[in-house]
Amino acid sequence: MKKHLIGEVVSNKMKKTIVVLVKETTRDPRFGKIITKTAKYKAHDENNESNIGDIVEIEESRPLSREKNWTLVSIVKKNILKVEETQVSKEEGAPQ
């Protein structure tokens, strides 16, 4: 069975590749304090459909490159603020 993770896209500057930040909270066994662990995964995004700030689901796959072993399954939640900013900037035009 393949692993599935949910995280936030922090970079989409590469062609067909996104970087996903996955946060995991655990309880420290000795002190009982809640610890947040983070990990970044490079995932294959065939259609370049995800943007920075989107919440996505990724799935484990065969090695696609040296560091890329995950593929994009679906976009759970779009980043509404990023979409609104791009629409406003297109309407105003480029500043001179």
N, C-alpha and C. Protein backbone atom coordinates (compact mmCIF):
# COMPACT_ATOMS: atom_id res chain seq x y z
N MET A 1 0.83 -1.18 0.00
CA MET A 1 0.00 0.00 0.00
C MET A 1 0.88 1.25 0.00
N LYS A 2 0.54 2.21 -0.83
CA LYS A 2 1.33 3.43 -0.96
C LYS A 2 0.96 4.43 0.13
N LYS A 3 1.95 5.19 0.57
CA LYS A 3 1.72 6.20 1.58
C LYS A 3 1.07 7.43 0.96
N HIS A 4 0.21 8.09 1.71
CA HIS A 4 -0.42 9.34 1.30
C HIS A 4 -0.12 10.38 2.36
N LEU A 5 0.25 11.58 1.94
CA LEU A 5 0.52 12.68 2.86
C LEU A 5 -0.22 13.91 2.40
N ILE A 6 -0.56 14.78 3.34
CA ILE A 6 -1.21 16.05 3.02
C ILE A 6 -0.32 17.17 3.54
N GLY A 7 -0.05 18.15 2.67
CA GLY A 7 0.81 19.25 3.06
C GLY A 7 0.56 20.49 2.22
N GLU A 8 1.37 21.52 2.45
CA GLU A 8 1.22 22.81 1.79
C GLU A 8 2.33 22.99 0.75
N VAL A 9 1.97 23.50 -0.42
CA VAL A 9 2.95 23.76 -1.47
C VAL A 9 3.73 25.02 -1.10
N VAL A 10 5.06 24.90 -1.03
CA VAL A 10 5.90 26.04 -0.69
C VAL A 10 6.70 26.53 -1.89
N SER A 11 6.78 25.74 -2.97
CA SER A 11 7.48 26.17 -4.17
C SER A 11 6.94 25.42 -5.37
N ASN A 12 6.79 26.15 -6.48
CA ASN A 12 6.39 25.53 -7.75
C ASN A 12 7.20 26.11 -8.90
N LYS A 13 8.44 26.50 -8.64
CA LYS A 13 9.26 27.17 -9.64
C LYS A 13 9.88 26.22 -10.65
N MET A 14 9.93 24.93 -10.34
CA MET A 14 10.50 23.96 -11.26
C MET A 14 9.42 23.46 -12.22
N LYS A 15 9.86 22.97 -13.36
CA LYS A 15 8.91 22.42 -14.33
C LYS A 15 8.41 21.07 -13.84
N LYS A 16 7.09 20.94 -13.74
CA LYS A 16 6.41 19.71 -13.35
C LYS A 16 6.83 19.18 -11.98
N THR A 17 7.32 20.07 -11.11
CA THR A 17 7.72 19.66 -9.76
C THR A 17 7.25 20.70 -8.75
N ILE A 18 6.75 20.21 -7.63
CA ILE A 18 6.37 21.08 -6.53
C ILE A 18 7.09 20.60 -5.26
N VAL A 19 7.29 21.52 -4.33
CA VAL A 19 7.86 21.18 -3.03
C VAL A 19 6.73 21.31 -2.01
N VAL A 20 6.48 20.22 -1.28
CA VAL A 20 5.37 20.16 -0.33
C VAL A 20 5.93 20.07 1.08
N LEU A 21 5.46 20.96 1.96
CA LEU A 21 5.84 20.98 3.37
C LEU A 21 4.79 20.23 4.16
N VAL A 22 5.21 19.13 4.81
CA VAL A 22 4.31 18.30 5.60
C VAL A 22 4.65 18.49 7.07
N LYS A 23 3.64 18.87 7.88
CA LYS A 23 3.83 19.04 9.32
C LYS A 23 3.22 17.85 10.05
N GLU A 24 3.97 17.35 11.03
CA GLU A 24 3.51 16.22 11.84
C GLU A 24 3.68 16.58 13.30
N THR A 25 2.62 16.45 14.08
CA THR A 25 2.71 16.74 15.50
C THR A 25 2.75 15.43 16.27
N THR A 26 3.71 15.35 17.21
CA THR A 26 3.85 14.18 18.06
C THR A 26 4.05 14.64 19.50
N ARG A 27 3.84 13.75 20.42
CA ARG A 27 4.05 14.05 21.83
C ARG A 27 5.38 13.44 22.24
N ASP A 28 6.20 14.25 22.91
CA ASP A 28 7.50 13.79 23.38
C ASP A 28 7.28 12.69 24.42
N PRO A 29 7.93 11.53 24.26
CA PRO A 29 7.67 10.43 25.19
C PRO A 29 8.13 10.69 26.62
N ARG A 30 9.16 11.50 26.78
CA ARG A 30 9.69 11.72 28.13
C ARG A 30 9.00 12.87 28.86
N PHE A 31 8.84 14.00 28.18
CA PHE A 31 8.32 15.20 28.83
C PHE A 31 6.85 15.47 28.53
N GLY A 32 6.30 14.84 27.50
CA GLY A 32 4.89 15.03 27.18
C GLY A 32 4.59 16.29 26.39
N LYS A 33 5.62 17.04 26.02
CA LYS A 33 5.42 18.26 25.25
C LYS A 33 5.08 17.92 23.79
N ILE A 34 4.20 18.71 23.19
CA ILE A 34 3.82 18.48 21.79
C ILE A 34 4.88 19.11 20.89
N ILE A 35 5.42 18.31 19.98
CA ILE A 35 6.49 18.73 19.09
C ILE A 35 5.97 18.70 17.65
N THR A 36 6.27 19.74 16.88
CA THR A 36 5.91 19.77 15.47
C THR A 36 7.14 19.48 14.64
N LYS A 37 7.07 18.41 13.87
CA LYS A 37 8.16 18.04 12.97
C LYS A 37 7.73 18.40 11.55
N THR A 38 8.66 18.95 10.77
CA THR A 38 8.35 19.30 9.39
C THR A 38 9.29 18.57 8.45
N ALA A 39 8.79 18.28 7.27
CA ALA A 39 9.60 17.64 6.24
C ALA A 39 9.15 18.18 4.88
N LYS A 40 10.11 18.34 3.97
CA LYS A 40 9.80 18.81 2.63
C LYS A 40 9.96 17.64 1.65
N TYR A 41 8.98 17.50 0.78
CA TYR A 41 8.99 16.45 -0.23
C TYR A 41 8.84 17.08 -1.61
N LYS A 42 9.60 16.58 -2.58
CA LYS A 42 9.43 17.01 -3.96
C LYS A 42 8.47 16.04 -4.63
N ALA A 43 7.44 16.60 -5.27
CA ALA A 43 6.40 15.78 -5.88
C ALA A 43 6.23 16.15 -7.35
N HIS A 44 5.82 15.17 -8.15
CA HIS A 44 5.62 15.38 -9.58
C HIS A 44 4.22 15.95 -9.82
N ASP A 45 4.17 17.08 -10.51
CA ASP A 45 2.91 17.75 -10.86
C ASP A 45 2.86 17.84 -12.38
N GLU A 46 2.24 16.87 -13.00
CA GLU A 46 2.28 16.73 -14.47
C GLU A 46 1.76 17.95 -15.21
N ASN A 47 0.65 18.54 -14.74
CA ASN A 47 0.00 19.64 -15.47
C ASN A 47 0.30 21.01 -14.89
N ASN A 48 1.21 21.11 -13.93
CA ASN A 48 1.54 22.38 -13.26
C ASN A 48 0.27 23.09 -12.77
N GLU A 49 -0.60 22.35 -12.10
CA GLU A 49 -1.89 22.92 -11.69
C GLU A 49 -1.90 23.48 -10.27
N SER A 50 -0.89 23.17 -9.45
CA SER A 50 -0.89 23.68 -8.08
C SER A 50 -0.03 24.93 -7.96
N ASN A 51 -0.40 25.79 -7.02
CA ASN A 51 0.31 27.04 -6.78
C ASN A 51 0.78 27.09 -5.33
N ILE A 52 1.59 28.09 -5.03
CA ILE A 52 2.11 28.25 -3.67
C ILE A 52 0.95 28.52 -2.72
N GLY A 53 0.93 27.82 -1.60
CA GLY A 53 -0.11 28.00 -0.60
C GLY A 53 -1.24 26.99 -0.69
N ASP A 54 -1.31 26.23 -1.76
CA ASP A 54 -2.36 25.22 -1.89
C ASP A 54 -2.10 24.06 -0.93
N ILE A 55 -3.18 23.47 -0.43
CA ILE A 55 -3.08 22.26 0.37
C ILE A 55 -3.30 21.09 -0.58
N VAL A 56 -2.33 20.18 -0.65
CA VAL A 56 -2.38 19.09 -1.62
C VAL A 56 -2.18 17.74 -0.95
N GLU A 57 -2.61 16.70 -1.66
CA GLU A 57 -2.38 15.32 -1.23
C GLU A 57 -1.39 14.70 -2.19
N ILE A 58 -0.33 14.09 -1.65
CA ILE A 58 0.68 13.45 -2.47
C ILE A 58 0.75 11.97 -2.14
N GLU A 59 1.23 11.19 -3.13
CA GLU A 59 1.28 9.74 -2.98
C GLU A 59 2.67 9.25 -3.33
N GLU A 60 3.13 8.27 -2.61
CA GLU A 60 4.44 7.67 -2.85
C GLU A 60 4.44 6.99 -4.22
N SER A 61 5.56 7.11 -4.95
CA SER A 61 5.66 6.48 -6.27
C SER A 61 7.08 5.98 -6.49
N ARG A 62 7.32 5.47 -7.67
CA ARG A 62 8.67 5.03 -8.00
C ARG A 62 9.58 6.24 -8.11
N PRO A 63 10.90 6.07 -8.02
CA PRO A 63 11.79 7.23 -8.15
C PRO A 63 11.69 7.85 -9.55
N LEU A 64 11.33 9.13 -9.59
CA LEU A 64 11.21 9.84 -10.86
C LEU A 64 12.48 10.64 -11.16
N SER A 65 13.24 10.99 -10.13
CA SER A 65 14.53 11.63 -10.27
C SER A 65 15.30 11.35 -8.98
N ARG A 66 16.41 12.04 -8.79
CA ARG A 66 17.23 11.76 -7.62
C ARG A 66 16.48 12.02 -6.31
N GLU A 67 15.70 13.09 -6.25
CA GLU A 67 15.01 13.47 -5.02
C GLU A 67 13.48 13.35 -5.11
N LYS A 68 12.95 13.06 -6.27
CA LYS A 68 11.49 13.10 -6.47
C LYS A 68 10.92 11.69 -6.47
N ASN A 69 10.23 11.34 -5.35
CA ASN A 69 9.63 10.02 -5.20
C ASN A 69 8.14 10.08 -4.90
N TRP A 70 7.52 11.23 -5.13
CA TRP A 70 6.11 11.44 -4.81
C TRP A 70 5.40 12.02 -6.02
N THR A 71 4.09 11.79 -6.12
CA THR A 71 3.28 12.37 -7.19
C THR A 71 2.08 13.06 -6.57
N LEU A 72 1.60 14.10 -7.25
CA LEU A 72 0.42 14.84 -6.82
C LEU A 72 -0.83 14.02 -7.11
N VAL A 73 -1.67 13.81 -6.08
CA VAL A 73 -2.92 13.08 -6.27
C VAL A 73 -4.06 14.06 -6.51
N SER A 74 -4.19 15.05 -5.60
CA SER A 74 -5.27 16.01 -5.75
C SER A 74 -4.96 17.28 -4.97
N ILE A 75 -5.64 18.34 -5.34
CA ILE A 75 -5.55 19.60 -4.61
C ILE A 75 -6.73 19.64 -3.64
N VAL A 76 -6.43 19.60 -2.36
CA VAL A 76 -7.47 19.57 -1.33
C VAL A 76 -8.13 20.93 -1.19
N LYS A 77 -7.29 21.99 -1.15
CA LYS A 77 -7.80 23.35 -0.97
C LYS A 77 -6.92 24.32 -1.72
N LYS A 78 -7.53 25.16 -2.55
CA LYS A 78 -6.79 26.19 -3.28
C LYS A 78 -6.50 27.37 -2.35
N ASN A 79 -5.40 28.05 -2.59
CA ASN A 79 -5.05 29.25 -1.83
C ASN A 79 -5.83 30.41 -2.43
N ILE A 80 -6.86 30.85 -1.73
CA ILE A 80 -7.76 31.88 -2.23
C ILE A 80 -7.04 33.22 -2.34
N LEU A 81 -6.21 33.57 -1.37
CA LEU A 81 -5.51 34.85 -1.39
C LEU A 81 -4.60 34.97 -2.60
N LYS A 82 -3.89 33.93 -2.95
CA LYS A 82 -2.97 33.97 -4.09
C LYS A 82 -3.74 34.17 -5.40
N VAL A 83 -4.88 33.51 -5.53
CA VAL A 83 -5.70 33.63 -6.75
C VAL A 83 -6.21 35.06 -6.88
N GLU A 84 -6.68 35.67 -5.79
CA GLU A 84 -7.20 37.03 -5.84
C GLU A 84 -6.10 38.03 -6.18
N GLU A 85 -4.89 37.84 -5.66
CA GLU A 85 -3.77 38.74 -5.95
C GLU A 85 -3.41 38.72 -7.42
N THR A 86 -3.40 37.55 -8.03
CA THR A 86 -3.03 37.46 -9.44
C THR A 86 -4.10 38.09 -10.33
N GLN A 87 -5.38 37.96 -9.95
CA GLN A 87 -6.45 38.56 -10.74
C GLN A 87 -6.37 40.08 -10.66
N VAL A 88 -6.09 40.63 -9.49
CA VAL A 88 -6.00 42.07 -9.32
C VAL A 88 -4.81 42.61 -10.10
N SER A 89 -3.68 41.93 -10.05
CA SER A 89 -2.49 42.42 -10.75
C SER A 89 -2.68 42.37 -12.26
N LYS A 90 -3.44 41.41 -12.78
CA LYS A 90 -3.71 41.36 -14.22
C LYS A 90 -4.62 42.49 -14.65
N GLU A 91 -5.59 42.84 -13.80
CA GLU A 91 -6.51 43.92 -14.14
C GLU A 91 -5.82 45.27 -14.14
N GLU A 92 -4.93 45.50 -13.18
CA GLU A 92 -4.24 46.79 -13.08
C GLU A 92 -3.16 46.94 -14.14
N GLY A 93 -2.61 45.86 -14.60
CA GLY A 93 -1.51 45.92 -15.55
C GLY A 93 -0.19 46.04 -14.80
N ALA A 94 0.89 45.98 -15.54
CA ALA A 94 2.21 46.04 -14.93
C ALA A 94 2.53 47.47 -14.51
N PRO A 95 3.06 47.66 -13.30
CA PRO A 95 3.44 49.03 -12.88
C PRO A 95 4.65 49.54 -13.67
N GLN A 96 4.68 50.84 -13.90
CA GLN A 96 5.77 51.39 -14.70
C GLN A 96 6.68 52.26 -13.89
